[in-house]
Amino acid sequence: SSWSAECVKRISHRPAERQRRSLKVMASASSKQEKVEGKKVWKPFPWNYLPNKVALIWGAAEVASISPLFAVLIAFNVGWYHICMYVWHHRHFVRCREAIPELVRSVSRPLGRWMLQDPRNHAYLPWFALLSCVPMLFFWAMWRYHHYGFEFSTLVIYHVLRGGPRFRFFGHAHALVHKEGHAHTGHFVKHFWILNYLCEWWIGPFYGVVPNSYSIAHMKIHHRWHNDVDDVHTNLDLDRTKLSSFFIYVPRFSLYWTGLSPVALLAKRKEWRLVRQLLYGMMTYYGVTLILFMWNPVFCIVYWIFTHLEGMILLCAISYLWHAFVEESDPGNQYVNSVTILDGHDNTFNEDYHVVHHHSPSTHWTDAHKHFEANKHKYAEVNATIFRDTEEGMLLQMLFENDWDGMATRFVDLNGKLSHEEKKALLVKRLKHVCGPDGRDGKRQEWGSSATIRDYND
C-alpha cells in the first residue's frame, strides 16, 4: 500500500528546471513513440484522437498536482509506521504481539459466522469497523474549517490518519472496495444486507472511489478484457520500459476512474442497466463534490478532490504494473500478463496473487496460495511473471528507473534455468511488446466487441 510513494516523492522534489527538461525529453520520446519507421503507431479508440504529447502533459500535470501535499504525507505516514514497528517488535511487547492478533480473531470469527455469508472473510470485519470511522474524521475537519478556517495542521492530521502508517489504511480501504465489487451477492447475510454497500458507498468515497465503479466498471470491463486493447485503461499499445508511457497512461486511467470511459463503452454495447447503475454512483459522488465546492471551494479541493486524485494516480500506478508484461509468442497468456508476488511486503488479503485473481476469480482469497501451489507447473511452463520478497512500490521504482538488474534479482524462475542476464532480457522483451488493432489474441474486430472477451475460471 506504499506503492508509487517513492516515485511521487522523487518527482515532487525535482528542481523546476530539471523537471521542465525531463518533461521536454519525455515529450520528444513520446512523439517518437507515435511513429516507428515513418509509420504512425496504432492506438486504441479513443486514444488515437489524443496526441501522446498532450496525454503526457496531462498525466504529468495530474501527478504534479498532488505531489507537494503527498510528499508531506509520506514523511508523516512512513515515520508513523517506523514508530509502530519499533514498538511492535520491542522485546517488552512480545506478549502483546502474540495476544492482540488472537484477541481480534476471537471477536471477528464468531461475528463472521453470524454476519457474513462466508465466515472465512471474518478478517474484513475489524477493518470495516476501523475504516468506518474515517467519515467521522472528515466531518470533524469540516467542523474545524467552518469555525477556524483553513488550518494546515488539521489538513495534515486528517490525511495522515486517513492514510494510516505507511498508507496501510489506504491500502486496506481500496482492497476492501475491490473485494466488495467482486462479491456479487455481497459479504453480509440478509439481516445485515445494508452493510453490503458499506465500502463503495460509505468508506470508499473518502478514499476517492466513485460508488459502483468497482462493481460495474472494474467487473464488467477490466474482468472481461483483462487489459486487452478494448479495456478502457489498457497499456498494451505502450512501450512500458519508457517513463513517458506511464504519464501517457495516466489520462486513460483517469477517465476510467471518473467513470466517463466505462459509461461510453457500456453505452456503445447498449448495456443500459449497467450504464444506469454507474451513472447513479457518478451523479451521487460528483453531486456531493459540487455541494462541497459551493460551500467552500478550498475545503472541497484539499479534503475531497485531493483524495479523488490520490486514489486515481496511485491505483493507476498499480494497474500499470499488474499488467505490464506480455509474452510476444503468447500474448494472451495470463500467467505472464498478470504479476504474482511471493512473500510480498504489502500482501493485503492475498492481492499479490494477481494471476489467481484473473484466472480463477471463484477461488477464495484465503486459498490463493494453495491455488498457486496446485498450478505451479502451469506457471513454470511459461516462465510466469513472478517476483519474490518485494512490493508494488519497489517494482514500480525499478520499472520507472529501468533498474533491470534489481528486477531480475527478484524475478522467480521456477525452472531454475535462466541466468541473471537472461532474466533481464526476458523482462525487457515482455515490457517492450505492444499489441496492435487485432488485439492480444488476433480476434479483435471493433471497439468493445465481444470477440475479445475472455472468461477465465479454471
Protein backbone atom coordinates (compact mmCIF):
# COMPACT_ATOMS: atom_id res chain seq x y z
CA SER A 1 0.00 0.00 0.00
CA SER A 2 3.06 2.26 -0.12
CA TRP A 3 3.28 1.75 -3.89
CA SER A 4 4.43 4.67 -6.03
CA ALA A 5 5.01 6.85 -2.96
CA GLU A 6 8.74 6.88 -3.75
CA CYS A 7 8.04 7.81 -7.37
CA VAL A 8 5.76 10.70 -6.43
CA LYS A 9 8.29 11.84 -3.84
CA ARG A 10 11.08 11.88 -6.43
CA ILE A 11 9.01 13.89 -8.89
CA SER A 12 7.88 16.37 -6.24
CA HIS A 13 11.46 17.04 -5.10
CA ARG A 14 12.91 17.71 -8.55
CA PRO A 15 14.07 21.28 -9.14
CA ALA A 16 11.74 23.15 -11.51
CA GLU A 17 14.34 23.49 -14.28
CA ARG A 18 15.22 19.79 -14.14
CA GLN A 19 11.54 18.88 -14.16
CA ARG A 20 10.97 21.01 -17.29
CA ARG A 21 13.96 19.37 -19.01
CA SER A 22 12.67 15.90 -18.09
CA LEU A 23 9.22 16.74 -19.44
CA LYS A 24 10.77 18.02 -22.67
CA VAL A 25 12.80 14.82 -23.09
CA MET A 26 9.75 12.66 -22.39
CA ALA A 27 7.65 14.69 -24.84
CA SER A 28 10.30 14.12 -27.50
CA ALA A 29 10.32 10.40 -26.69
CA SER A 30 6.54 10.25 -26.84
CA SER A 31 6.48 11.85 -30.30
CA LYS A 32 9.00 9.24 -31.48
CA GLN A 33 6.83 6.55 -29.88
CA GLU A 34 3.91 7.69 -32.06
CA LYS A 35 5.92 6.95 -35.21
CA VAL A 36 8.05 3.91 -35.97
CA GLU A 37 9.94 3.81 -39.26
CA GLY A 38 7.76 6.61 -40.63
CA LYS A 39 4.52 4.84 -39.84
CA LYS A 40 2.03 6.04 -37.29
CA VAL A 41 1.75 3.60 -34.39
CA TRP A 42 -1.74 2.25 -33.80
CA LYS A 43 -3.54 3.33 -30.62
CA PRO A 44 -6.93 2.06 -29.38
CA PHE A 45 -10.04 4.22 -29.57
CA PRO A 46 -10.47 6.90 -28.26
CA TRP A 47 -6.77 7.43 -27.52
CA ASN A 48 -5.98 7.59 -31.25
CA TYR A 49 -7.51 11.09 -31.09
CA LEU A 50 -5.26 12.23 -28.23
CA PRO A 51 -1.65 13.00 -29.26
CA ASN A 52 0.95 11.45 -26.97
CA LYS A 53 2.43 14.88 -26.18
CA VAL A 54 -0.93 16.11 -24.90
CA ALA A 55 -1.50 12.91 -22.92
CA LEU A 56 1.98 13.15 -21.39
CA ILE A 57 1.50 16.76 -20.27
CA TRP A 58 -1.96 15.89 -18.92
CA GLY A 59 -0.57 12.94 -16.95
CA ALA A 60 2.43 14.85 -15.62
CA ALA A 61 0.15 17.70 -14.51
CA GLU A 62 -2.07 15.28 -12.59
CA VAL A 63 0.89 13.74 -10.77
CA ALA A 64 2.34 17.18 -10.02
CA SER A 65 -1.00 18.38 -8.61
CA ILE A 66 -0.87 16.01 -5.64
CA SER A 67 2.91 15.82 -5.22
CA PRO A 68 3.52 18.66 -2.67
CA LEU A 69 0.89 17.54 -0.15
CA PHE A 70 1.55 13.86 -0.82
CA ALA A 71 5.28 14.35 -0.11
CA VAL A 72 4.35 15.76 3.32
CA LEU A 73 2.05 12.80 3.96
CA ILE A 74 4.80 10.34 3.00
CA ALA A 75 7.08 11.84 5.66
CA PHE A 76 4.46 11.58 8.41
CA ASN A 77 2.97 8.22 7.42
CA VAL A 78 6.31 6.48 6.96
CA GLY A 79 7.58 7.95 10.23
CA TRP A 80 4.42 6.75 11.98
CA TYR A 81 4.98 3.28 10.52
CA HIS A 82 8.56 3.04 11.81
CA ILE A 83 7.46 4.10 15.28
CA CYS A 84 4.73 1.43 15.24
CA MET A 85 7.20 -1.22 14.07
CA TYR A 86 9.70 -0.24 16.76
CA VAL A 87 7.07 -0.60 19.47
CA TRP A 88 5.55 -3.74 17.93
CA HIS A 89 8.88 -5.59 17.75
CA HIS A 90 10.23 -4.34 21.08
CA ARG A 91 11.17 -7.13 23.49
CA HIS A 92 8.81 -5.75 26.14
CA PHE A 93 5.92 -6.05 23.69
CA VAL A 94 6.30 -9.78 22.99
CA ARG A 95 3.22 -10.90 24.92
CA CYS A 96 1.05 -8.20 23.41
CA ARG A 97 2.34 -9.05 19.95
CA GLU A 98 1.08 -12.59 20.45
CA ALA A 99 -2.12 -11.73 22.31
CA ILE A 100 -3.53 -8.82 20.27
CA PRO A 101 -3.99 -10.63 16.91
CA GLU A 102 -5.62 -13.60 18.62
CA LEU A 103 -7.85 -11.28 20.66
CA VAL A 104 -9.03 -9.62 17.44
CA ARG A 105 -9.65 -13.01 15.81
CA SER A 106 -11.55 -14.23 18.88
CA VAL A 107 -14.05 -11.45 18.19
CA SER A 108 -14.06 -11.48 14.38
CA ARG A 109 -14.51 -15.25 13.98
CA PRO A 110 -17.84 -15.57 15.84
CA LEU A 111 -19.07 -12.31 14.32
CA GLY A 112 -18.14 -13.67 10.90
CA ARG A 113 -20.17 -16.83 11.46
CA TRP A 114 -23.13 -14.67 12.49
CA MET A 115 -22.94 -11.80 9.99
CA LEU A 116 -21.14 -12.98 6.87
CA GLN A 117 -22.19 -15.22 4.01
CA ASP A 118 -18.68 -16.67 4.01
CA PRO A 119 -17.18 -16.79 7.54
CA ARG A 120 -13.70 -17.04 6.02
CA ASN A 121 -13.97 -13.29 5.41
CA HIS A 122 -14.03 -12.54 9.14
CA ALA A 123 -10.68 -10.73 8.75
CA TYR A 124 -12.57 -7.97 6.94
CA LEU A 125 -14.67 -7.06 9.98
CA PRO A 126 -12.03 -5.26 12.10
CA TRP A 127 -11.09 -3.20 9.05
CA PHE A 128 -14.73 -2.40 8.30
CA ALA A 129 -15.08 -1.10 11.85
CA LEU A 130 -11.86 0.94 11.77
CA LEU A 131 -12.33 2.46 8.32
CA SER A 132 -15.97 3.34 9.01
CA CYS A 133 -14.60 5.99 11.38
CA VAL A 134 -12.89 7.89 8.53
CA PRO A 135 -16.09 9.78 7.55
CA MET A 136 -16.29 10.97 11.17
CA LEU A 137 -12.78 12.40 10.77
CA PHE A 138 -13.96 14.19 7.64
CA PHE A 139 -16.90 15.80 9.45
CA TRP A 140 -14.53 16.83 12.27
CA ALA A 141 -12.26 18.52 9.70
CA MET A 142 -15.31 20.22 8.18
CA TRP A 143 -16.34 21.49 11.61
CA ARG A 144 -12.83 22.85 12.22
CA TYR A 145 -12.82 24.55 8.84
CA HIS A 146 -16.22 26.14 9.48
CA HIS A 147 -15.12 27.59 12.84
CA TYR A 148 -11.42 28.34 12.30
CA GLY A 149 -10.93 28.49 8.54
CA PHE A 150 -8.08 26.71 6.75
CA GLU A 151 -5.60 25.05 9.13
CA PHE A 152 -2.66 23.21 7.59
CA SER A 153 -2.26 21.18 10.78
CA THR A 154 -5.84 19.91 10.57
CA LEU A 155 -5.37 19.09 6.90
CA VAL A 156 -2.26 17.01 7.63
CA ILE A 157 -3.81 15.29 10.67
CA TYR A 158 -6.87 14.30 8.64
CA HIS A 159 -4.97 12.88 5.67
CA VAL A 160 -2.32 11.17 7.83
CA LEU A 161 -4.97 9.43 9.96
CA ARG A 162 -6.96 8.58 6.84
CA GLY A 163 -3.90 7.05 5.14
CA GLY A 164 -2.58 5.20 8.19
CA PRO A 165 1.00 4.14 8.97
CA ARG A 166 2.79 3.66 5.64
CA PHE A 167 -0.63 4.08 3.99
CA ARG A 168 -1.91 0.80 5.44
CA PHE A 169 -5.42 2.22 5.95
CA PHE A 170 -5.45 3.50 2.38
CA GLY A 171 -4.34 0.11 1.06
CA HIS A 172 -6.91 -1.85 3.05
CA ALA A 173 -9.71 0.54 2.11
CA HIS A 174 -9.08 0.07 -1.60
CA ALA A 175 -8.58 -3.69 -1.21
CA LEU A 176 -11.93 -3.98 0.58
CA VAL A 177 -13.76 -1.86 -2.01
CA HIS A 178 -12.22 -4.18 -4.61
CA LYS A 179 -13.43 -7.27 -2.71
CA GLU A 180 -16.91 -5.79 -2.33
CA GLY A 181 -17.06 -5.09 -6.06
CA HIS A 182 -16.35 -8.78 -6.73
CA ALA A 183 -18.91 -10.03 -4.20
CA HIS A 184 -21.95 -10.38 -6.49
CA THR A 185 -24.32 -11.13 -3.61
CA GLY A 186 -22.47 -9.04 -1.04
CA HIS A 187 -20.50 -10.11 2.01
CA PHE A 188 -23.25 -9.98 4.61
CA VAL A 189 -26.26 -12.20 5.29
CA LYS A 190 -29.82 -11.00 4.73
CA HIS A 191 -30.32 -9.43 8.18
CA PHE A 192 -27.30 -7.18 7.62
CA TRP A 193 -27.95 -6.51 3.91
CA ILE A 194 -27.38 -2.76 4.19
CA LEU A 195 -23.72 -3.38 5.12
CA ASN A 196 -23.17 -4.82 1.64
CA TYR A 197 -22.87 -1.20 0.49
CA LEU A 198 -20.51 -0.19 3.29
CA CYS A 199 -17.30 0.07 1.25
CA GLU A 200 -18.40 1.54 -2.07
CA TRP A 201 -20.94 3.96 -0.58
CA TRP A 202 -19.59 4.88 2.88
CA ILE A 203 -15.85 4.20 3.17
CA GLY A 204 -14.74 4.38 -0.49
CA PRO A 205 -15.78 7.96 -1.33
CA PHE A 206 -13.43 9.29 1.36
CA TYR A 207 -10.62 7.48 -0.48
CA GLY A 208 -11.64 8.90 -3.87
CA VAL A 209 -13.76 5.97 -5.07
CA VAL A 210 -16.87 6.62 -7.18
CA PRO A 211 -19.67 4.31 -5.91
CA ASN A 212 -20.49 1.37 -8.20
CA SER A 213 -17.21 1.85 -10.07
CA TYR A 214 -15.71 -1.44 -8.92
CA SER A 215 -18.90 -3.48 -9.22
CA ILE A 216 -19.62 -2.15 -12.74
CA ALA A 217 -16.57 -0.62 -14.48
CA HIS A 218 -13.99 -2.94 -12.93
CA MET A 219 -16.05 -6.12 -13.13
CA LYS A 220 -17.80 -5.57 -16.47
CA ILE A 221 -14.87 -4.13 -18.37
CA HIS A 222 -11.50 -4.97 -16.83
CA HIS A 223 -12.52 -8.53 -15.97
CA ARG A 224 -13.97 -9.09 -19.41
CA TRP A 225 -10.99 -7.85 -21.45
CA HIS A 226 -8.20 -8.37 -18.89
CA ASN A 227 -6.18 -5.38 -20.13
CA ASP A 228 -6.63 -6.25 -23.81
CA VAL A 229 -6.79 -3.28 -26.18
CA ASP A 230 -10.54 -2.77 -25.63
CA ASP A 231 -10.10 -2.46 -21.88
CA VAL A 232 -10.61 1.27 -21.29
CA HIS A 233 -7.35 1.53 -19.35
CA THR A 234 -5.17 -0.80 -21.41
CA ASN A 235 -1.41 -0.20 -21.62
CA LEU A 236 -0.71 -2.82 -24.29
CA ASP A 237 -0.05 -0.30 -27.06
CA LEU A 238 2.64 1.45 -24.97
CA ASP A 239 6.32 0.60 -24.51
CA ARG A 240 6.34 0.07 -20.74
CA THR A 241 10.12 0.44 -20.49
CA LYS A 242 9.71 4.21 -21.02
CA LEU A 243 8.71 6.50 -18.16
CA SER A 244 6.86 8.70 -20.64
CA SER A 245 4.47 5.81 -21.30
CA PHE A 246 3.25 5.92 -17.72
CA PHE A 247 2.36 9.61 -17.98
CA ILE A 248 0.60 8.90 -21.30
CA TYR A 249 -1.30 6.13 -19.49
CA VAL A 250 -2.49 8.38 -16.63
CA PRO A 251 -5.30 10.07 -18.65
CA ARG A 252 -6.64 6.65 -19.66
CA PHE A 253 -6.90 5.52 -16.08
CA SER A 254 -8.28 8.91 -15.04
CA LEU A 255 -11.24 8.63 -17.40
CA TYR A 256 -11.80 5.08 -16.15
CA TRP A 257 -11.59 6.21 -12.50
CA THR A 258 -14.10 9.01 -13.04
CA GLY A 259 -16.48 6.62 -14.83
CA LEU A 260 -16.55 8.50 -18.15
CA SER A 261 -14.87 5.94 -20.40
CA PRO A 262 -16.73 2.95 -18.85
CA VAL A 263 -20.06 4.71 -19.48
CA ALA A 264 -19.06 5.33 -23.10
CA LEU A 265 -18.05 1.70 -23.70
CA LEU A 266 -21.09 0.21 -21.97
CA ALA A 267 -23.38 2.61 -23.86
CA LYS A 268 -21.75 1.56 -27.14
CA ARG A 269 -22.57 -2.03 -26.21
CA LYS A 270 -26.14 -0.97 -25.28
CA GLU A 271 -25.82 -2.38 -21.75
CA TRP A 272 -28.17 0.24 -20.36
CA ARG A 273 -28.76 -1.34 -16.96
CA LEU A 274 -25.03 -1.17 -16.23
CA VAL A 275 -24.90 2.40 -17.58
CA ARG A 276 -27.70 3.46 -15.22
CA GLN A 277 -26.03 1.86 -12.20
CA LEU A 278 -22.71 3.51 -12.97
CA LEU A 279 -24.33 6.90 -13.63
CA TYR A 280 -26.17 6.62 -10.32
CA GLY A 281 -22.86 6.31 -8.49
CA MET A 282 -21.25 9.07 -10.55
CA MET A 283 -24.13 11.51 -10.04
CA THR A 284 -24.07 10.87 -6.29
CA TYR A 285 -20.30 11.29 -5.95
CA TYR A 286 -19.97 14.35 -8.17
CA GLY A 287 -23.18 15.78 -6.72
CA VAL A 288 -21.55 15.71 -3.28
CA THR A 289 -18.43 17.23 -4.86
CA LEU A 290 -20.49 20.11 -6.28
CA ILE A 291 -22.24 20.74 -2.93
CA LEU A 292 -18.89 20.84 -1.10
CA PHE A 293 -17.42 23.12 -3.75
CA MET A 294 -20.34 25.53 -3.45
CA TRP A 295 -19.95 25.51 0.36
CA ASN A 296 -16.21 26.19 0.22
CA PRO A 297 -14.01 25.63 -2.86
CA VAL A 298 -10.74 25.43 -0.90
CA PHE A 299 -12.10 22.85 1.54
CA CYS A 300 -13.52 20.81 -1.34
CA ILE A 301 -10.20 20.78 -3.21
CA VAL A 302 -7.85 19.89 -0.34
CA TYR A 303 -10.11 17.50 1.59
CA TRP A 304 -12.26 15.88 -1.12
CA ILE A 305 -10.87 16.33 -4.64
CA PHE A 306 -7.34 15.59 -3.41
CA THR A 307 -8.45 12.10 -2.28
CA HIS A 308 -10.04 11.52 -5.71
CA LEU A 309 -6.77 12.41 -7.46
CA GLU A 310 -4.72 10.49 -4.89
CA GLY A 311 -6.69 7.27 -5.45
CA MET A 312 -6.70 7.85 -9.19
CA ILE A 313 -2.92 8.20 -9.52
CA LEU A 314 -1.83 5.55 -7.02
CA LEU A 315 -4.24 2.91 -8.35
CA CYS A 316 -3.20 3.98 -11.85
CA ALA A 317 0.38 3.04 -10.99
CA ILE A 318 -0.72 -0.33 -9.59
CA SER A 319 -2.84 -1.09 -12.66
CA TYR A 320 0.05 -0.13 -14.94
CA LEU A 321 2.37 -2.55 -13.11
CA TRP A 322 -0.03 -5.50 -12.69
CA HIS A 323 -0.35 -5.96 -16.48
CA ALA A 324 2.93 -4.53 -17.77
CA PHE A 325 4.36 -7.82 -19.08
CA VAL A 326 3.31 -9.56 -22.31
CA GLU A 327 4.91 -12.61 -23.90
CA GLU A 328 5.33 -11.99 -27.64
CA SER A 329 4.90 -15.67 -28.54
CA ASP A 330 1.71 -16.00 -26.46
CA PRO A 331 0.23 -12.51 -25.84
CA GLY A 332 -2.95 -13.81 -24.20
CA ASN A 333 -1.22 -15.87 -21.53
CA GLN A 334 -2.50 -14.67 -18.16
CA TYR A 335 0.34 -16.32 -16.24
CA VAL A 336 2.62 -13.78 -17.94
CA ASN A 337 0.17 -10.89 -18.31
CA SER A 338 -0.59 -10.67 -14.59
CA VAL A 339 2.04 -10.27 -11.89
CA THR A 340 2.45 -12.64 -8.94
CA ILE A 341 4.44 -11.55 -5.87
CA LEU A 342 5.59 -14.20 -3.36
CA ASP A 343 6.45 -13.20 0.22
CA GLY A 344 5.23 -9.70 -0.60
CA HIS A 345 5.75 -6.85 1.84
CA ASP A 346 2.21 -5.48 1.32
CA ASN A 347 0.16 -8.58 0.52
CA THR A 348 -3.26 -7.29 1.61
CA PHE A 349 -5.83 -10.12 1.56
CA ASN A 350 -3.61 -12.04 -0.93
CA GLU A 351 -3.98 -9.37 -3.62
CA ASP A 352 -0.41 -10.19 -4.67
CA TYR A 353 -1.66 -13.37 -6.37
CA HIS A 354 -2.98 -11.41 -9.33
CA VAL A 355 -2.93 -14.36 -11.72
CA VAL A 356 -5.31 -16.23 -9.40
CA HIS A 357 -7.48 -13.13 -9.21
CA HIS A 358 -7.88 -13.01 -13.02
CA HIS A 359 -7.56 -16.68 -13.95
CA SER A 360 -9.66 -18.19 -11.18
CA PRO A 361 -11.99 -15.49 -9.78
CA SER A 362 -14.09 -18.07 -7.93
CA THR A 363 -11.09 -19.06 -5.77
CA HIS A 364 -11.44 -17.55 -2.29
CA TRP A 365 -8.64 -15.18 -1.36
CA THR A 366 -7.61 -17.37 1.59
CA ASP A 367 -6.96 -20.22 -0.90
CA ALA A 368 -4.91 -18.15 -3.36
CA HIS A 369 -1.59 -19.61 -2.25
CA LYS A 370 -2.96 -23.17 -2.44
CA HIS A 371 -4.19 -22.46 -5.98
CA PHE A 372 -0.76 -21.17 -6.90
CA GLU A 373 0.96 -24.26 -5.50
CA ALA A 374 -1.52 -26.61 -7.20
CA ASN A 375 -0.93 -24.92 -10.57
CA LYS A 376 2.76 -24.14 -10.19
CA HIS A 377 3.59 -26.36 -13.18
CA LYS A 378 1.50 -24.06 -15.41
CA TYR A 379 3.46 -21.05 -14.16
CA ALA A 380 6.73 -22.90 -14.78
CA GLU A 381 5.80 -23.92 -18.34
CA VAL A 382 5.63 -20.29 -19.49
CA ASN A 383 8.18 -18.66 -17.15
CA ALA A 384 5.34 -16.73 -15.48
CA THR A 385 5.86 -13.19 -14.24
CA ILE A 386 6.71 -13.89 -10.60
CA PHE A 387 8.71 -11.81 -8.13
CA ARG A 388 9.73 -12.56 -4.56
CA ASP A 389 10.41 -10.52 -1.43
CA THR A 390 9.28 -7.19 -2.84
CA GLU A 391 6.21 -4.98 -3.20
CA GLU A 392 4.45 -2.91 -5.84
CA GLY A 393 6.22 0.33 -4.88
CA MET A 394 9.67 -1.23 -5.23
CA LEU A 395 8.80 -2.80 -8.58
CA LEU A 396 7.39 0.50 -9.84
CA GLN A 397 10.56 2.31 -8.84
CA MET A 398 12.64 -0.30 -10.68
CA LEU A 399 10.37 -0.01 -13.73
CA PHE A 400 10.50 3.79 -13.85
CA GLU A 401 14.27 3.85 -13.29
CA ASN A 402 14.94 0.99 -15.75
CA ASP A 403 16.61 -0.96 -12.95
CA TRP A 404 16.50 -4.29 -14.76
CA ASP A 405 19.22 -5.74 -12.52
CA GLY A 406 17.11 -5.14 -9.40
CA MET A 407 14.01 -6.52 -11.12
CA ALA A 408 15.85 -9.61 -12.39
CA THR A 409 17.26 -10.27 -8.92
CA ARG A 410 13.71 -10.58 -7.57
CA PHE A 411 12.32 -12.44 -10.58
CA VAL A 412 11.48 -16.08 -9.81
CA ASP A 413 12.46 -18.67 -12.42
CA LEU A 414 10.56 -21.76 -11.28
CA ASN A 415 12.60 -23.92 -13.66
CA GLY A 416 15.93 -22.63 -12.34
CA LYS A 417 17.41 -22.41 -15.86
CA LEU A 418 17.70 -18.69 -16.58
CA SER A 419 20.85 -16.73 -15.84
CA HIS A 420 20.65 -13.21 -14.43
CA GLU A 421 21.24 -11.70 -17.87
CA GLU A 422 18.61 -13.94 -19.43
CA LYS A 423 16.08 -12.84 -16.82
CA LYS A 424 16.82 -9.20 -17.64
CA ALA A 425 16.42 -9.82 -21.36
CA LEU A 426 13.13 -11.68 -20.80
CA LEU A 427 11.66 -8.92 -18.64
CA VAL A 428 12.64 -6.14 -21.04
CA LYS A 429 11.31 -8.07 -24.04
CA ARG A 430 7.94 -8.55 -22.31
CA LEU A 431 7.77 -4.91 -21.30
CA LYS A 432 8.52 -3.71 -24.83
CA HIS A 433 6.00 -5.90 -26.65
CA VAL A 434 2.96 -3.94 -27.88
CA CYS A 435 -0.32 -5.14 -29.35
CA GLY A 436 -1.99 -3.76 -32.46
CA PRO A 437 -5.52 -3.40 -33.88
CA ASP A 438 -6.13 -7.17 -33.86
CA GLY A 439 -5.84 -7.28 -30.08
CA ARG A 440 -3.81 -9.58 -27.89
CA ASP A 441 -5.11 -12.81 -29.47
CA GLY A 442 -5.73 -11.57 -33.03
CA LYS A 443 -9.52 -11.81 -32.64
CA ARG A 444 -10.44 -8.15 -32.26
CA GLN A 445 -12.98 -6.79 -34.75
CA GLU A 446 -14.11 -3.40 -33.43
CA TRP A 447 -14.02 -1.32 -30.25
CA GLY A 448 -15.83 -3.10 -27.42
CA SER A 449 -16.75 -6.18 -29.42
CA SER A 450 -17.44 -9.45 -27.62
CA ALA A 451 -14.90 -11.29 -29.76
CA THR A 452 -12.04 -10.43 -27.41
CA ILE A 453 -13.87 -11.07 -24.12
CA ARG A 454 -12.08 -13.77 -22.11
CA ASP A 455 -13.89 -15.74 -19.41
CA TYR A 456 -11.31 -17.40 -17.18
CA ASN A 457 -12.35 -19.69 -14.36
CA ASP A 458 -10.16 -22.75 -14.01
